[in-house]
C-alpha atoms as a PDB file:
ATOM      1  CA  MET A   1     -30.804 115.532  48.004  1.00  0.00           C
ATOM      2  CA  LYS A   2     -32.158 115.646  51.453  1.00  0.00           C
ATOM      3  CA  LYS A   3     -35.653 115.018  50.384  1.00  0.00           C
ATOM      4  CA  VAL A   4     -34.465 111.666  48.421  1.00  0.00           C
ATOM      5  CA  LEU A   5     -32.562 110.442  51.632  1.00  0.00           C
ATOM      6  CA  LEU A   6     -35.787 110.959  53.673  1.00  0.00           C
ATOM      7  CA  THR A   7     -38.028 109.507  51.457  1.00  0.00           C
ATOM      8  CA  LEU A   8     -35.549 106.388  50.998  1.00  0.00           C
ATOM      9  CA  ALA A   9     -35.370 106.078  54.790  1.00  0.00           C
ATOM     10  CA  ALA A  10     -39.159 105.936  55.082  1.00  0.00           C
ATOM     11  CA  PHE A  11     -39.169 103.487  52.120  1.00  0.00           C
ATOM     12  CA  ILE A  12     -36.610 101.292  54.350  1.00  0.00           C
ATOM     13  CA  SER A  13     -38.934 101.620  57.483  1.00  0.00           C
ATOM     14  CA  LEU A  14     -41.925 100.391  55.671  1.00  0.00           C
ATOM     15  CA  ALA A  15     -40.112  97.601  53.989  1.00  0.00           C
ATOM     16  CA  SER A  16     -38.707  96.316  57.435  1.00  0.00           C
ATOM     17  CA  ALA A  17     -42.242  96.562  58.912  1.00  0.00           C
ATOM     18  CA  ASP A  18     -42.823  93.055  57.384  1.00  0.00           C
ATOM     19  CA  GLU A  19     -42.463  89.854  59.586  1.00  0.00           C
ATOM     20  CA  LEU A  20     -42.110  86.190  58.672  1.00  0.00           C
ATOM     21  CA  VAL A  21     -44.817  83.833  59.839  1.00  0.00           C
ATOM     22  CA  ASN A  22     -44.281  80.056  59.378  1.00  0.00           C
ATOM     23  CA  LEU A  23     -47.411  77.691  58.987  1.00  0.00           C
ATOM     24  CA  LYS A  24     -47.720  73.930  58.915  1.00  0.00           C
ATOM     25  CA  ILE A  25     -50.150  72.967  56.231  1.00  0.00           C
ATOM     26  CA  GLU A  26     -51.827  69.630  56.169  1.00  0.00           C
ATOM     27  CA  GLY A  27     -53.401  68.045  53.041  1.00  0.00           C
ATOM     28  CA  MET A  28     -51.258  69.473  50.070  1.00  0.00           C
ATOM     29  CA  MET A  29     -50.702  66.593  47.705  1.00  0.00           C
ATOM     30  CA  CYS A  30     -49.781  68.133  44.629  1.00  0.00           C
ATOM     31  CA  PRO A  31     -48.671  71.300  42.974  1.00  0.00           C
ATOM     32  CA  ALA A  32     -52.077  72.365  42.341  1.00  0.00           C
ATOM     33  CA  CYS A  33     -53.003  71.987  46.270  1.00  0.00           C
ATOM     34  CA  ALA A  34     -49.701  74.346  46.753  1.00  0.00           C
ATOM     35  CA  LYS A  35     -51.205  76.848  43.999  1.00  0.00           C
ATOM     36  CA  THR A  36     -54.460  76.928  46.022  1.00  0.00           C
ATOM     37  CA  VAL A  37     -52.857  77.588  49.365  1.00  0.00           C
ATOM     38  CA  LYS A  38     -50.564  80.315  48.031  1.00  0.00           C
ATOM     39  CA  GLU A  39     -53.624  81.853  46.511  1.00  0.00           C
ATOM     40  CA  SER A  40     -55.646  81.574  49.683  1.00  0.00           C
ATOM     41  CA  LEU A  41     -52.662  83.276  51.781  1.00  0.00           C
ATOM     42  CA  GLY A  42     -52.417  86.008  49.107  1.00  0.00           C
ATOM     43  CA  GLY A  43     -56.064  86.905  49.600  1.00  0.00           C
ATOM     44  CA  VAL A  44     -55.351  87.956  53.291  1.00  0.00           C
ATOM     45  CA  LYS A  45     -55.025  91.681  54.132  1.00  0.00           C
ATOM     46  CA  GLY A  46     -51.612  92.438  54.941  1.00  0.00           C
ATOM     47  CA  VAL A  47     -49.878  89.576  53.405  1.00  0.00           C
ATOM     48  CA  SER A  48     -47.230  90.560  50.654  1.00  0.00           C
ATOM     49  CA  GLU A  49     -45.631  87.145  49.903  1.00  0.00           C
ATOM     50  CA  ALA A  50     -46.186  83.450  50.390  1.00  0.00           C
ATOM     51  CA  SER A  51     -43.641  80.675  49.729  1.00  0.00           C
ATOM     52  CA  ILE A  52     -45.189  77.035  49.833  1.00  0.00           C
ATOM     53  CA  TYR A  53     -43.019  74.191  50.403  1.00  0.00           C
ATOM     54  CA  LEU A  54     -45.061  71.203  49.063  1.00  0.00           C
ATOM     55  CA  LYS A  55     -42.880  68.443  50.199  1.00  0.00           C
ATOM     56  CA  GLU A  56     -42.249  69.866  53.736  1.00  0.00           C
ATOM     57  CA  GLY A  57     -45.880  70.693  54.223  1.00  0.00           C
ATOM     58  CA  ARG A  58     -45.289  74.453  55.245  1.00  0.00           C
ATOM     59  CA  ALA A  59     -45.717  77.890  53.993  1.00  0.00           C
ATOM     60  CA  GLU A  60     -43.350  80.813  54.968  1.00  0.00           C
ATOM     61  CA  VAL A  61     -45.555  84.052  54.895  1.00  0.00           C
ATOM     62  CA  LYS A  62     -44.234  87.459  54.838  1.00  0.00           C
ATOM     63  CA  ALA A  63     -46.908  89.780  56.107  1.00  0.00           C
ATOM     64  CA  ALA A  64     -47.236  93.386  57.447  1.00  0.00           C
ATOM     65  CA  THR A  65     -46.602  93.552  61.383  1.00  0.00           C
ATOM     66  CA  GLY A  66     -49.810  93.188  63.055  1.00  0.00           C
ATOM     67  CA  THR A  67     -51.274  90.850  60.279  1.00  0.00           C
ATOM     68  CA  LYS A  68     -52.870  87.921  62.559  1.00  0.00           C
ATOM     69  CA  PRO A  69     -51.469  84.283  61.807  1.00  0.00           C
ATOM     70  CA  ALA A  70     -54.942  83.145  62.676  1.00  0.00           C
ATOM     71  CA  ALA A  71     -56.344  85.135  59.700  1.00  0.00           C
ATOM     72  CA  MET A  72     -53.843  83.018  57.598  1.00  0.00           C
ATOM     73  CA  CYS A  73     -54.868  79.737  58.934  1.00  0.00           C
ATOM     74  CA  ASP A  74     -58.471  80.708  58.408  1.00  0.00           C
ATOM     75  CA  ALA A  75     -58.004  81.367  54.802  1.00  0.00           C
ATOM     76  CA  VAL A  76     -56.046  77.971  54.312  1.00  0.00           C
ATOM     77  CA  LYS A  77     -58.574  76.098  56.222  1.00  0.00           C
ATOM     78  CA  LYS A  78     -61.482  77.657  53.977  1.00  0.00           C
ATOM     79  CA  ALA A  79     -59.606  76.327  50.981  1.00  0.00           C
ATOM     80  CA  GLY A  80     -59.973  72.938  52.465  1.00  0.00           C
ATOM     81  CA  TYR A  81     -56.383  72.220  54.127  1.00  0.00           C
ATOM     82  CA  GLY A  82     -55.089  72.086  57.650  1.00  0.00           C
ATOM     83  CA  CYS A  83     -53.118  74.776  59.227  1.00  0.00           C
ATOM     84  CA  ALA A  84     -51.335  75.646  62.364  1.00  0.00           C
ATOM     85  CA  VAL A  85     -48.805  78.195  63.139  1.00  0.00           C
ATOM     86  CA  SER A  86     -45.354  76.923  63.462  1.00  0.00           C
ATOM     87  CA  LYS A  87     -42.609  78.326  65.728  1.00  0.00           C
END
């Protein structure tokens, strides 16, 4: 039982090691654009999840602590869209 609790505690610590990064995305016009942005963010090492809000022109990215927001924006820009880190 002690081993299970320690494993569970370690898992919770790892899960909480993520941080949320908000990005302003420019140039998304349709669902296909949003999908492209999501896929580009998903290819960044450390990113575990990306939620794209087409109408609002933004993305919320869940990433491991230490993942650089600049790397996320670089991936979005490489896909052909504007990107800036929001507060």
